[in-house]
Amino acid sequence: ITLEQAQGYAHARGVRLPTLTELSSAWGDERYPWGHKPDPKLGRVGRPRFDQVPPVGAHPPGAYGLFHLGAWPWHWGQGAELAGGADERDPGFGLAPLPSRGPVGFRCVAAVGA
């Protein structure tokens, strides 16, 4: 998905893309959202077989109730950066979008009570 598509979707619903700080906070301080060690029961720790992203709910949510932070896709940040991407490389935050980084998805955030 392109940045413009993600922004358009969010705008049409009255929400926004998260900042890198929000994505990083949701991820946590460890290498993976669930801790420092890879655990395929908790999320993807390598490139999915046949490049298929797992369905929502395939792994339990993290500490904040978010599913699939470490499920391999990159996420668009509000400032057109990428975050996440727990594939065979280390996850990262604030990375430039490149064709070699994919797939790319997005999350939306809204004010509490909105």
PDB file of N, CA and C in Angstrom:
ATOM      1  N   ILE A   1       0.850  -1.173   0.000  1.00  0.00           N
ATOM      2  CA  ILE A   1       0.000   0.000   0.000  1.00  0.00           C
ATOM      3  C   ILE A   1       0.900   1.243   0.000  1.00  0.00           C
ATOM      4  N   THR A   2       0.482   2.232  -0.688  1.00  0.00           N
ATOM      5  CA  THR A   2       1.283   3.447  -0.752  1.00  0.00           C
ATOM      6  C   THR A   2       0.969   4.361   0.424  1.00  0.00           C
ATOM      7  N   LEU A   3       1.865   5.293   0.679  1.00  0.00           N
ATOM      8  CA  LEU A   3       1.633   6.282   1.728  1.00  0.00           C
ATOM      9  C   LEU A   3       0.360   7.070   1.443  1.00  0.00           C
ATOM     10  N   GLU A   4       0.176   7.458   0.205  1.00  0.00           N
ATOM     11  CA  GLU A   4      -1.006   8.245  -0.159  1.00  0.00           C
ATOM     12  C   GLU A   4      -2.290   7.456   0.090  1.00  0.00           C
ATOM     13  N   GLN A   5      -2.299   6.168  -0.193  1.00  0.00           N
ATOM     14  CA  GLN A   5      -3.480   5.341   0.067  1.00  0.00           C
ATOM     15  C   GLN A   5      -3.753   5.246   1.567  1.00  0.00           C
ATOM     16  N   ALA A   6      -2.702   5.057   2.351  1.00  0.00           N
ATOM     17  CA  ALA A   6      -2.862   4.969   3.811  1.00  0.00           C
ATOM     18  C   ALA A   6      -3.382   6.284   4.375  1.00  0.00           C
ATOM     19  N   GLN A   7      -2.810   7.403   3.936  1.00  0.00           N
ATOM     20  CA  GLN A   7      -3.257   8.706   4.411  1.00  0.00           C
ATOM     21  C   GLN A   7      -4.705   8.973   3.997  1.00  0.00           C
ATOM     22  N   GLY A   8      -5.058   8.607   2.780  1.00  0.00           N
ATOM     23  CA  GLY A   8      -6.425   8.801   2.296  1.00  0.00           C
ATOM     24  C   GLY A   8      -7.436   8.007   3.100  1.00  0.00           C
ATOM     25  N   TYR A   9      -7.095   6.768   3.405  1.00  0.00           N
ATOM     26  CA  TYR A   9      -7.976   5.923   4.213  1.00  0.00           C
ATOM     27  C   TYR A   9      -8.170   6.541   5.592  1.00  0.00           C
ATOM     28  N   ALA A  10      -7.082   6.932   6.221  1.00  0.00           N
ATOM     29  CA  ALA A  10      -7.159   7.523   7.564  1.00  0.00           C
ATOM     30  C   ALA A  10      -7.979   8.816   7.533  1.00  0.00           C
ATOM     31  N   HIS A  11      -7.694   9.668   6.577  1.00  0.00           N
ATOM     32  CA  HIS A  11      -8.399  10.948   6.475  1.00  0.00           C
ATOM     33  C   HIS A  11      -9.903  10.735   6.294  1.00  0.00           C
ATOM     34  N   ALA A  12     -10.278   9.790   5.450  1.00  0.00           N
ATOM     35  CA  ALA A  12     -11.694   9.524   5.188  1.00  0.00           C
ATOM     36  C   ALA A  12     -12.430   9.043   6.427  1.00  0.00           C
ATOM     37  N   ARG A  13     -11.704   8.500   7.385  1.00  0.00           N
ATOM     38  CA  ARG A  13     -12.309   7.994   8.613  1.00  0.00           C
ATOM     39  C   ARG A  13     -12.094   8.899   9.817  1.00  0.00           C
ATOM     40  N   GLY A  14     -11.472  10.045   9.592  1.00  0.00           N
ATOM     41  CA  GLY A  14     -11.271  11.004  10.672  1.00  0.00           C
ATOM     42  C   GLY A  14     -10.229  10.585  11.689  1.00  0.00           C
ATOM     43  N   VAL A  15      -9.271   9.774  11.247  1.00  0.00           N
ATOM     44  CA  VAL A  15      -8.171   9.342  12.109  1.00  0.00           C
ATOM     45  C   VAL A  15      -6.864   9.718  11.421  1.00  0.00           C
ATOM     46  N   ARG A  16      -5.745   9.258  11.937  1.00  0.00           N
ATOM     47  CA  ARG A  16      -4.455   9.595  11.344  1.00  0.00           C
ATOM     48  C   ARG A  16      -3.515   8.412  11.454  1.00  0.00           C
ATOM     49  N   LEU A  17      -2.413   8.500  10.731  1.00  0.00           N
ATOM     50  CA  LEU A  17      -1.342   7.517  10.878  1.00  0.00           C
ATOM     51  C   LEU A  17      -0.592   7.822  12.162  1.00  0.00           C
ATOM     52  N   PRO A  18      -0.043   6.820  12.827  1.00  0.00           N
ATOM     53  CA  PRO A  18       0.695   7.066  14.065  1.00  0.00           C
ATOM     54  C   PRO A  18       2.064   7.695  13.804  1.00  0.00           C
ATOM     55  N   THR A  19       2.554   8.389  14.810  1.00  0.00           N
ATOM     56  CA  THR A  19       3.909   8.921  14.741  1.00  0.00           C
ATOM     57  C   THR A  19       4.883   7.786  15.007  1.00  0.00           C
ATOM     58  N   LEU A  20       6.147   8.001  14.682  1.00  0.00           N
ATOM     59  CA  LEU A  20       7.161   6.988  14.991  1.00  0.00           C
ATOM     60  C   LEU A  20       7.276   6.771  16.492  1.00  0.00           C
ATOM     61  N   THR A  21       7.101   7.814  17.270  1.00  0.00           N
ATOM     62  CA  THR A  21       7.142   7.676  18.732  1.00  0.00           C
ATOM     63  C   THR A  21       6.029   6.757  19.208  1.00  0.00           C
ATOM     64  N   GLU A  22       4.834   6.908  18.648  1.00  0.00           N
ATOM     65  CA  GLU A  22       3.721   6.035  19.033  1.00  0.00           C
ATOM     66  C   GLU A  22       3.982   4.586  18.623  1.00  0.00           C
ATOM     67  N   LEU A  23       4.475   4.383  17.409  1.00  0.00           N
ATOM     68  CA  LEU A  23       4.782   3.024  16.975  1.00  0.00           C
ATOM     69  C   LEU A  23       5.895   2.403  17.812  1.00  0.00           C
ATOM     70  N   SER A  24       6.924   3.180  18.090  1.00  0.00           N
ATOM     71  CA  SER A  24       8.037   2.690  18.891  1.00  0.00           C
ATOM     72  C   SER A  24       7.592   2.361  20.312  1.00  0.00           C
ATOM     73  N   SER A  25       6.741   3.198  20.895  1.00  0.00           N
ATOM     74  CA  SER A  25       6.237   2.937  22.249  1.00  0.00           C
ATOM     75  C   SER A  25       5.405   1.665  22.285  1.00  0.00           C
ATOM     76  N   ALA A  26       4.577   1.462  21.258  1.00  0.00           N
ATOM     77  CA  ALA A  26       3.766   0.246  21.195  1.00  0.00           C
ATOM     78  C   ALA A  26       4.640  -0.989  21.026  1.00  0.00           C
ATOM     79  N   TRP A  27       5.756  -0.837  20.291  1.00  0.00           N
ATOM     80  CA  TRP A  27       6.672  -1.948  20.055  1.00  0.00           C
ATOM     81  C   TRP A  27       7.377  -2.329  21.348  1.00  0.00           C
ATOM     82  N   GLY A  28       7.876  -1.348  22.093  1.00  0.00           N
ATOM     83  CA  GLY A  28       8.605  -1.605  23.332  1.00  0.00           C
ATOM     84  C   GLY A  28      10.102  -1.479  23.134  1.00  0.00           C
ATOM     85  N   ASP A  29      10.856  -1.812  24.145  1.00  0.00           N
ATOM     86  CA  ASP A  29      12.306  -1.633  24.144  1.00  0.00           C
ATOM     87  C   ASP A  29      13.098  -2.859  23.696  1.00  0.00           C
ATOM     88  N   GLU A  30      12.422  -3.939  23.430  1.00  0.00           N
ATOM     89  CA  GLU A  30      13.109  -5.174  23.056  1.00  0.00           C
ATOM     90  C   GLU A  30      13.200  -5.309  21.543  1.00  0.00           C
ATOM     91  N   ARG A  31      13.966  -6.293  21.097  1.00  0.00           N
ATOM     92  CA  ARG A  31      14.125  -6.519  19.656  1.00  0.00           C
ATOM     93  C   ARG A  31      12.793  -6.857  18.992  1.00  0.00           C
ATOM     94  N   TYR A  32      11.970  -7.632  19.670  1.00  0.00           N
ATOM     95  CA  TYR A  32      10.655  -8.001  19.179  1.00  0.00           C
ATOM     96  C   TYR A  32       9.603  -7.393  20.112  1.00  0.00           C
ATOM     97  N   PRO A  33       8.380  -7.214  19.655  1.00  0.00           N
ATOM     98  CA  PRO A  33       7.364  -6.627  20.530  1.00  0.00           C
ATOM     99  C   PRO A  33       7.083  -7.460  21.778  1.00  0.00           C
ATOM    100  N   TRP A  34       7.414  -8.741  21.760  1.00  0.00           N
ATOM    101  CA  TRP A  34       7.147  -9.624  22.884  1.00  0.00           C
ATOM    102  C   TRP A  34       8.382  -9.883  23.740  1.00  0.00           C
ATOM    103  N   GLY A  35       9.527  -9.391  23.363  1.00  0.00           N
ATOM    104  CA  GLY A  35      10.742  -9.617  24.143  1.00  0.00           C
ATOM    105  C   GLY A  35      11.971  -9.695  23.258  1.00  0.00           C
ATOM    106  N   HIS A  36      13.075 -10.176  23.833  1.00  0.00           N
ATOM    107  CA  HIS A  36      14.337 -10.183  23.099  1.00  0.00           C
ATOM    108  C   HIS A  36      14.545 -11.436  22.250  1.00  0.00           C
ATOM    109  N   LYS A  37      13.896 -12.544  22.620  1.00  0.00           N
ATOM    110  CA  LYS A  37      14.133 -13.798  21.912  1.00  0.00           C
ATOM    111  C   LYS A  37      13.037 -14.074  20.887  1.00  0.00           C
ATOM    112  N   PRO A  38      13.420 -14.618  19.739  1.00  0.00           N
ATOM    113  CA  PRO A  38      12.410 -14.976  18.742  1.00  0.00           C
ATOM    114  C   PRO A  38      11.485 -16.060  19.280  1.00  0.00           C
ATOM    115  N   ASP A  39      10.217 -15.973  18.965  1.00  0.00           N
ATOM    116  CA  ASP A  39       9.235 -16.972  19.377  1.00  0.00           C
ATOM    117  C   ASP A  39       8.133 -17.018  18.319  1.00  0.00           C
ATOM    118  N   PRO A  40       8.147 -18.032  17.443  1.00  0.00           N
ATOM    119  CA  PRO A  40       7.170 -18.073  16.357  1.00  0.00           C
ATOM    120  C   PRO A  40       5.722 -18.183  16.835  1.00  0.00           C
ATOM    121  N   LYS A  41       5.485 -18.514  18.104  1.00  0.00           N
ATOM    122  CA  LYS A  41       4.122 -18.547  18.629  1.00  0.00           C
ATOM    123  C   LYS A  41       3.597 -17.138  18.891  1.00  0.00           C
ATOM    124  N   LEU A  42       4.515 -16.176  19.049  1.00  0.00           N
ATOM    125  CA  LEU A  42       4.120 -14.812  19.388  1.00  0.00           C
ATOM    126  C   LEU A  42       4.155 -13.860  18.206  1.00  0.00           C
ATOM    127  N   GLY A  43       4.866 -14.212  17.158  1.00  0.00           N
ATOM    128  CA  GLY A  43       4.948 -13.357  15.973  1.00  0.00           C
ATOM    129  C   GLY A  43       5.963 -13.904  14.999  1.00  0.00           C
ATOM    130  N   ARG A  44       6.028 -13.317  13.846  1.00  0.00           N
ATOM    131  CA  ARG A  44       6.972 -13.765  12.821  1.00  0.00           C
ATOM    132  C   ARG A  44       8.388 -13.385  13.209  1.00  0.00           C
ATOM    133  N   VAL A  45       9.284 -14.316  13.019  1.00  0.00           N
ATOM    134  CA  VAL A  45      10.696 -14.061  13.305  1.00  0.00           C
ATOM    135  C   VAL A  45      11.540 -14.233  12.049  1.00  0.00           C
ATOM    136  N   GLY A  46      10.904 -14.412  10.942  1.00  0.00           N
ATOM    137  CA  GLY A  46      11.571 -14.535   9.654  1.00  0.00           C
ATOM    138  C   GLY A  46      10.558 -14.320   8.552  1.00  0.00           C
ATOM    139  N   ARG A  47      11.034 -14.281   7.375  1.00  0.00           N
ATOM    140  CA  ARG A  47      10.161 -14.034   6.222  1.00  0.00           C
ATOM    141  C   ARG A  47       9.109 -15.140   6.136  1.00  0.00           C
ATOM    142  N   PRO A  48       7.839 -14.771   5.989  1.00  0.00           N
ATOM    143  CA  PRO A  48       6.793 -15.795   5.895  1.00  0.00           C
ATOM    144  C   PRO A  48       6.967 -16.676   4.673  1.00  0.00           C
ATOM    145  N   ARG A  49       6.552 -17.878   4.807  1.00  0.00           N
ATOM    146  CA  ARG A  49       6.600 -18.818   3.701  1.00  0.00           C
ATOM    147  C   ARG A  49       5.742 -18.300   2.556  1.00  0.00           C
ATOM    148  N   PHE A  50       6.258 -18.354   1.371  1.00  0.00           N
ATOM    149  CA  PHE A  50       5.582 -17.907   0.154  1.00  0.00           C
ATOM    150  C   PHE A  50       5.200 -16.428   0.228  1.00  0.00           C
ATOM    151  N   ASP A  51       5.884 -15.655   1.074  1.00  0.00           N
ATOM    152  CA  ASP A  51       5.656 -14.205   1.201  1.00  0.00           C
ATOM    153  C   ASP A  51       4.224 -13.835   1.578  1.00  0.00           C
ATOM    154  N   GLN A  52       3.529 -14.706   2.289  1.00  0.00           N
ATOM    155  CA  GLN A  52       2.171 -14.402   2.713  1.00  0.00           C
ATOM    156  C   GLN A  52       2.182 -13.885   4.143  1.00  0.00           C
ATOM    157  N   VAL A  53       1.529 -12.761   4.348  1.00  0.00           N
ATOM    158  CA  VAL A  53       1.401 -12.181   5.674  1.00  0.00           C
ATOM    159  C   VAL A  53       0.366 -12.994   6.440  1.00  0.00           C
ATOM    160  N   PRO A  54       0.613 -13.311   7.717  1.00  0.00           N
ATOM    161  CA  PRO A  54      -0.350 -14.113   8.469  1.00  0.00           C
ATOM    162  C   PRO A  54      -1.668 -13.367   8.674  1.00  0.00           C
ATOM    163  N   PRO A  55      -2.767 -14.094   8.794  1.00  0.00           N
ATOM    164  CA  PRO A  55      -4.052 -13.432   9.016  1.00  0.00           C
ATOM    165  C   PRO A  55      -4.098 -12.786  10.405  1.00  0.00           C
ATOM    166  N   VAL A  56      -4.908 -11.755  10.526  1.00  0.00           N
ATOM    167  CA  VAL A  56      -5.081 -11.100  11.825  1.00  0.00           C
ATOM    168  C   VAL A  56      -5.569 -12.134  12.827  1.00  0.00           C
ATOM    169  N   GLY A  57      -4.975 -12.130  13.990  1.00  0.00           N
ATOM    170  CA  GLY A  57      -5.350 -13.068  15.042  1.00  0.00           C
ATOM    171  C   GLY A  57      -4.524 -14.329  15.066  1.00  0.00           C
ATOM    172  N   ALA A  58      -3.567 -14.476  14.144  1.00  0.00           N
ATOM    173  CA  ALA A  58      -2.739 -15.680  14.108  1.00  0.00           C
ATOM    174  C   ALA A  58      -1.792 -15.740  15.308  1.00  0.00           C
ATOM    175  N   HIS A  59      -1.475 -14.590  15.890  1.00  0.00           N
ATOM    176  CA  HIS A  59      -0.599 -14.516  17.048  1.00  0.00           C
ATOM    177  C   HIS A  59      -1.293 -13.666  18.112  1.00  0.00           C
ATOM    178  N   PRO A  60      -0.992 -13.885  19.392  1.00  0.00           N
ATOM    179  CA  PRO A  60      -1.655 -13.101  20.442  1.00  0.00           C
ATOM    180  C   PRO A  60      -1.237 -11.627  20.388  1.00  0.00           C
ATOM    181  N   PRO A  61      -2.096 -10.744  20.935  1.00  0.00           N
ATOM    182  CA  PRO A  61      -1.754  -9.317  20.944  1.00  0.00           C
ATOM    183  C   PRO A  61      -0.635  -9.027  21.939  1.00  0.00           C
ATOM    184  N   GLY A  62       0.017  -7.882  21.742  1.00  0.00           N
ATOM    185  CA  GLY A  62       1.067  -7.451  22.654  1.00  0.00           C
ATOM    186  C   GLY A  62       0.496  -6.811  23.911  1.00  0.00           C
ATOM    187  N   ALA A  63       1.354  -6.169  24.666  1.00  0.00           N
ATOM    188  CA  ALA A  63       0.987  -5.586  25.950  1.00  0.00           C
ATOM    189  C   ALA A  63      -0.115  -4.536  25.841  1.00  0.00           C
ATOM    190  N   TYR A  64      -0.220  -3.863  24.705  1.00  0.00           N
ATOM    191  CA  TYR A  64      -1.237  -2.817  24.532  1.00  0.00           C
ATOM    192  C   TYR A  64      -2.450  -3.305  23.739  1.00  0.00           C
ATOM    193  N   GLY A  65      -2.529  -4.608  23.500  1.00  0.00           N
ATOM    194  CA  GLY A  65      -3.666  -5.159  22.782  1.00  0.00           C
ATOM    195  C   GLY A  65      -3.575  -5.051  21.272  1.00  0.00           C
ATOM    196  N   LEU A  66      -2.407  -4.673  20.753  1.00  0.00           N
ATOM    197  CA  LEU A  66      -2.235  -4.547  19.306  1.00  0.00           C
ATOM    198  C   LEU A  66      -1.756  -5.871  18.725  1.00  0.00           C
ATOM    199  N   PHE A  67      -2.413  -6.290  17.686  1.00  0.00           N
ATOM    200  CA  PHE A  67      -2.021  -7.517  17.009  1.00  0.00           C
ATOM    201  C   PHE A  67      -0.949  -7.221  15.968  1.00  0.00           C
ATOM    202  N   HIS A  68      -0.044  -8.144  15.801  1.00  0.00           N
ATOM    203  CA  HIS A  68       0.881  -8.211  14.678  1.00  0.00           C
ATOM    204  C   HIS A  68       1.843  -7.046  14.501  1.00  0.00           C
ATOM    205  N   LEU A  69       2.322  -6.482  15.590  1.00  0.00           N
ATOM    206  CA  LEU A  69       3.380  -5.491  15.433  1.00  0.00           C
ATOM    207  C   LEU A  69       4.623  -6.151  14.862  1.00  0.00           C
ATOM    208  N   GLY A  70       4.899  -7.362  15.266  1.00  0.00           N
ATOM    209  CA  GLY A  70       6.071  -8.077  14.784  1.00  0.00           C
ATOM    210  C   GLY A  70       5.716  -9.161  13.800  1.00  0.00           C
ATOM    211  N   ALA A  71       4.786  -8.886  12.899  1.00  0.00           N
ATOM    212  CA  ALA A  71       4.322  -9.909  11.959  1.00  0.00           C
ATOM    213  C   ALA A  71       4.907  -9.749  10.567  1.00  0.00           C
ATOM    214  N   TRP A  72       5.990  -9.022  10.443  1.00  0.00           N
ATOM    215  CA  TRP A  72       6.757  -8.868   9.219  1.00  0.00           C
ATOM    216  C   TRP A  72       6.422  -7.638   8.411  1.00  0.00           C
ATOM    217  N   PRO A  73       5.171  -7.188   8.277  1.00  0.00           N
ATOM    218  CA  PRO A  73       4.962  -5.986   7.460  1.00  0.00           C
ATOM    219  C   PRO A  73       5.569  -4.741   8.085  1.00  0.00           C
ATOM    220  N   TRP A  74       5.958  -3.834   7.249  1.00  0.00           N
ATOM    221  CA  TRP A  74       6.364  -2.512   7.688  1.00  0.00           C
ATOM    222  C   TRP A  74       5.102  -1.685   7.841  1.00  0.00           C
ATOM    223  N   HIS A  75       5.166  -0.633   8.649  1.00  0.00           N
ATOM    224  CA  HIS A  75       4.013   0.247   8.860  1.00  0.00           C
ATOM    225  C   HIS A  75       4.390   1.674   8.496  1.00  0.00           C
ATOM    226  N   TRP A  76       3.494   2.358   7.796  1.00  0.00           N
ATOM    227  CA  TRP A  76       3.716   3.758   7.496  1.00  0.00           C
ATOM    228  C   TRP A  76       3.579   4.582   8.764  1.00  0.00           C
ATOM    229  N   GLY A  77       4.513   5.502   8.954  1.00  0.00           N
ATOM    230  CA  GLY A  77       4.416   6.474  10.026  1.00  0.00           C
ATOM    231  C   GLY A  77       3.889   7.783   9.470  1.00  0.00           C
ATOM    232  N   GLN A  78       3.423   8.628  10.351  1.00  0.00           N
ATOM    233  CA  GLN A  78       2.823   9.898   9.964  1.00  0.00           C
ATOM    234  C   GLN A  78       3.741  10.754   9.091  1.00  0.00           C
ATOM    235  N   GLY A  79       5.033  10.685   9.319  1.00  0.00           N
ATOM    236  CA  GLY A  79       5.977  11.507   8.568  1.00  0.00           C
ATOM    237  C   GLY A  79       6.563  10.822   7.356  1.00  0.00           C
ATOM    238  N   ALA A  80       5.876   9.821   6.785  1.00  0.00           N
ATOM    239  CA  ALA A  80       6.299   9.095   5.585  1.00  0.00           C
ATOM    240  C   ALA A  80       7.503   8.195   5.823  1.00  0.00           C
ATOM    241  N   GLU A  81       7.726   7.781   7.081  1.00  0.00           N
ATOM    242  CA  GLU A  81       8.790   6.831   7.392  1.00  0.00           C
ATOM    243  C   GLU A  81       8.162   5.454   7.602  1.00  0.00           C
ATOM    244  N   LEU A  82       9.023   4.450   7.616  1.00  0.00           N
ATOM    245  CA  LEU A  82       8.565   3.098   7.899  1.00  0.00           C
ATOM    246  C   LEU A  82       9.037   2.667   9.271  1.00  0.00           C
ATOM    247  N   ALA A  83       8.237   1.810   9.898  1.00  0.00           N
ATOM    248  CA  ALA A  83       8.576   1.285  11.211  1.00  0.00           C
ATOM    249  C   ALA A  83       8.178  -0.176  11.289  1.00  0.00           C
ATOM    250  N   GLY A  84       8.863  -0.907  12.154  1.00  0.00           N
ATOM    251  CA  GLY A  84       8.522  -2.306  12.397  1.00  0.00           C
ATOM    252  C   GLY A  84       9.336  -3.232  11.523  1.00  0.00           C
ATOM    253  N   GLY A  85       8.640  -4.091  10.779  1.00  0.00           N
ATOM    254  CA  GLY A  85       9.305  -4.972   9.831  1.00  0.00           C
ATOM    255  C   GLY A  85      10.157  -6.042  10.464  1.00  0.00           C
ATOM    256  N   ALA A  86       9.587  -6.860  11.335  1.00  0.00           N
ATOM    257  CA  ALA A  86      10.350  -7.922  11.983  1.00  0.00           C
ATOM    258  C   ALA A  86      10.559  -9.076  11.015  1.00  0.00           C
ATOM    259  N   ASP A  87      11.470  -8.877  10.081  1.00  0.00           N
ATOM    260  CA  ASP A  87      11.801  -9.952   9.163  1.00  0.00           C
ATOM    261  C   ASP A  87      13.185 -10.468   9.502  1.00  0.00           C
ATOM    262  N   GLU A  88      13.883 -10.976   8.507  1.00  0.00           N
ATOM    263  CA  GLU A  88      15.206 -11.530   8.809  1.00  0.00           C
ATOM    264  C   GLU A  88      16.220 -10.456   9.169  1.00  0.00           C
ATOM    265  N   ARG A  89      15.897  -9.208   8.911  1.00  0.00           N
ATOM    266  CA  ARG A  89      16.744  -8.092   9.349  1.00  0.00           C
ATOM    267  C   ARG A  89      16.237  -7.617  10.696  1.00  0.00           C
ATOM    268  N   ASP A  90      17.010  -6.787  11.343  1.00  0.00           N
ATOM    269  CA  ASP A  90      16.525  -6.183  12.578  1.00  0.00           C
ATOM    270  C   ASP A  90      15.384  -5.240  12.276  1.00  0.00           C
ATOM    271  N   PRO A  91      14.385  -5.162  13.177  1.00  0.00           N
ATOM    272  CA  PRO A  91      13.330  -4.181  12.985  1.00  0.00           C
ATOM    273  C   PRO A  91      13.907  -2.779  13.106  1.00  0.00           C
ATOM    274  N   GLY A  92      13.244  -1.828  12.523  1.00  0.00           N
ATOM    275  CA  GLY A  92      13.742  -0.465  12.559  1.00  0.00           C
ATOM    276  C   GLY A  92      12.623   0.550  12.636  1.00  0.00           C
ATOM    277  N   PHE A  93      12.988   1.750  12.975  1.00  0.00           N
ATOM    278  CA  PHE A  93      12.032   2.844  13.074  1.00  0.00           C
ATOM    279  C   PHE A  93      12.608   4.047  12.354  1.00  0.00           C
ATOM    280  N   GLY A  94      11.790   4.725  11.569  1.00  0.00           N
ATOM    281  CA  GLY A  94      12.221   5.910  10.861  1.00  0.00           C
ATOM    282  C   GLY A  94      13.025   5.617   9.622  1.00  0.00           C
ATOM    283  N   LEU A  95      12.793   4.465   9.014  1.00  0.00           N
ATOM    284  CA  LEU A  95      13.549   4.086   7.825  1.00  0.00           C
ATOM    285  C   LEU A  95      12.883   4.623   6.571  1.00  0.00           C
ATOM    286  N   ALA A  96      13.685   4.903   5.587  1.00  0.00           N
ATOM    287  CA  ALA A  96      13.166   5.383   4.310  1.00  0.00           C
ATOM    288  C   ALA A  96      12.454   4.249   3.589  1.00  0.00           C
ATOM    289  N   PRO A  97      11.341   4.536   2.929  1.00  0.00           N
ATOM    290  CA  PRO A  97      10.680   3.494   2.143  1.00  0.00           C
ATOM    291  C   PRO A  97      11.527   3.108   0.932  1.00  0.00           C
ATOM    292  N   LEU A  98      11.795   1.837   0.783  1.00  0.00           N
ATOM    293  CA  LEU A  98      12.558   1.312  -0.351  1.00  0.00           C
ATOM    294  C   LEU A  98      11.798   0.136  -0.943  1.00  0.00           C
ATOM    295  N   PRO A  99      11.972  -0.126  -2.229  1.00  0.00           N
ATOM    296  CA  PRO A  99      11.290  -1.275  -2.828  1.00  0.00           C
ATOM    297  C   PRO A  99      11.634  -2.598  -2.145  1.00  0.00           C
ATOM    298  N   SER A 100      12.820  -2.708  -1.552  1.00  0.00           N
ATOM    299  CA  SER A 100      13.217  -3.953  -0.899  1.00  0.00           C
ATOM    300  C   SER A 100      12.527  -4.155   0.450  1.00  0.00           C
ATOM    301  N   ARG A 101      11.891  -3.118   0.969  1.00  0.00           N
ATOM    302  CA  ARG A 101      11.174  -3.232   2.244  1.00  0.00           C
ATOM    303  C   ARG A 101       9.695  -3.448   1.933  1.00  0.00           C
ATOM    304  N   GLY A 102       9.230  -4.599   2.249  1.00  0.00           N
ATOM    305  CA  GLY A 102       7.831  -4.861   1.966  1.00  0.00           C
ATOM    306  C   GLY A 102       7.408  -6.154   2.612  1.00  0.00           C
ATOM    307  N   PRO A 103       6.171  -6.426   2.743  1.00  0.00           N
ATOM    308  CA  PRO A 103       5.077  -5.548   2.384  1.00  0.00           C
ATOM    309  C   PRO A 103       4.944  -4.395   3.371  1.00  0.00           C
ATOM    310  N   VAL A 104       4.211  -3.371   2.959  1.00  0.00           N
ATOM    311  CA  VAL A 104       3.990  -2.206   3.804  1.00  0.00           C
ATOM    312  C   VAL A 104       2.499  -2.065   4.046  1.00  0.00           C
ATOM    313  N   GLY A 105       2.137  -1.931   5.313  1.00  0.00           N
ATOM    314  CA  GLY A 105       0.753  -1.708   5.705  1.00  0.00           C
ATOM    315  C   GLY A 105       0.671  -0.443   6.526  1.00  0.00           C
ATOM    316  N   PHE A 106      -0.379  -0.312   7.288  1.00  0.00           N
ATOM    317  CA  PHE A 106      -0.516   0.869   8.126  1.00  0.00           C
ATOM    318  C   PHE A 106      -1.481   0.589   9.254  1.00  0.00           C
ATOM    319  N   ARG A 107      -1.420   1.418  10.253  1.00  0.00           N
ATOM    320  CA  ARG A 107      -2.346   1.419  11.376  1.00  0.00           C
ATOM    321  C   ARG A 107      -2.887   2.834  11.494  1.00  0.00           C
ATOM    322  N   CYS A 108      -4.024   2.948  12.088  1.00  0.00           N
ATOM    323  CA  CYS A 108      -4.602   4.269  12.319  1.00  0.00           C
ATOM    324  C   CYS A 108      -4.717   4.503  13.823  1.00  0.00           C
ATOM    325  N   VAL A 109      -4.632   5.737  14.210  1.00  0.00           N
ATOM    326  CA  VAL A 109      -4.820   6.121  15.603  1.00  0.00           C
ATOM    327  C   VAL A 109      -5.880   7.210  15.666  1.00  0.00           C
ATOM    328  N   ALA A 110      -6.573   7.244  16.796  1.00  0.00           N
ATOM    329  CA  ALA A 110      -7.596   8.252  17.034  1.00  0.00           C
ATOM    330  C   ALA A 110      -7.486   8.696  18.478  1.00  0.00           C
ATOM    331  N   ALA A 111      -7.958   9.861  18.757  1.00  0.00           N
ATOM    332  CA  ALA A 111      -7.968  10.361  20.131  1.00  0.00           C
ATOM    333  C   ALA A 111      -8.882   9.472  20.971  1.00  0.00           C
ATOM    334  N   VAL A 112      -8.544   9.299  22.233  1.00  0.00           N
ATOM    335  CA  VAL A 112      -9.373   8.510  23.138  1.00  0.00           C
ATOM    336  C   VAL A 112     -10.750   9.159  23.216  1.00  0.00           C
ATOM    337  N   GLY A 113     -11.761   8.340  23.077  1.00  0.00           N
ATOM    338  CA  GLY A 113     -13.129   8.841  23.126  1.00  0.00           C
ATOM    339  C   GLY A 113     -13.649   9.299  21.786  1.00  0.00           C
ATOM    340  N   ALA A 114     -12.793   9.228  20.764  1.00  0.00           N
ATOM    341  CA  ALA A 114     -13.234   9.684  19.428  1.00  0.00           C
ATOM    342  C   ALA A 114     -14.007   8.607  18.713  1.00  0.00           C
TER     343      ALA A 114
END
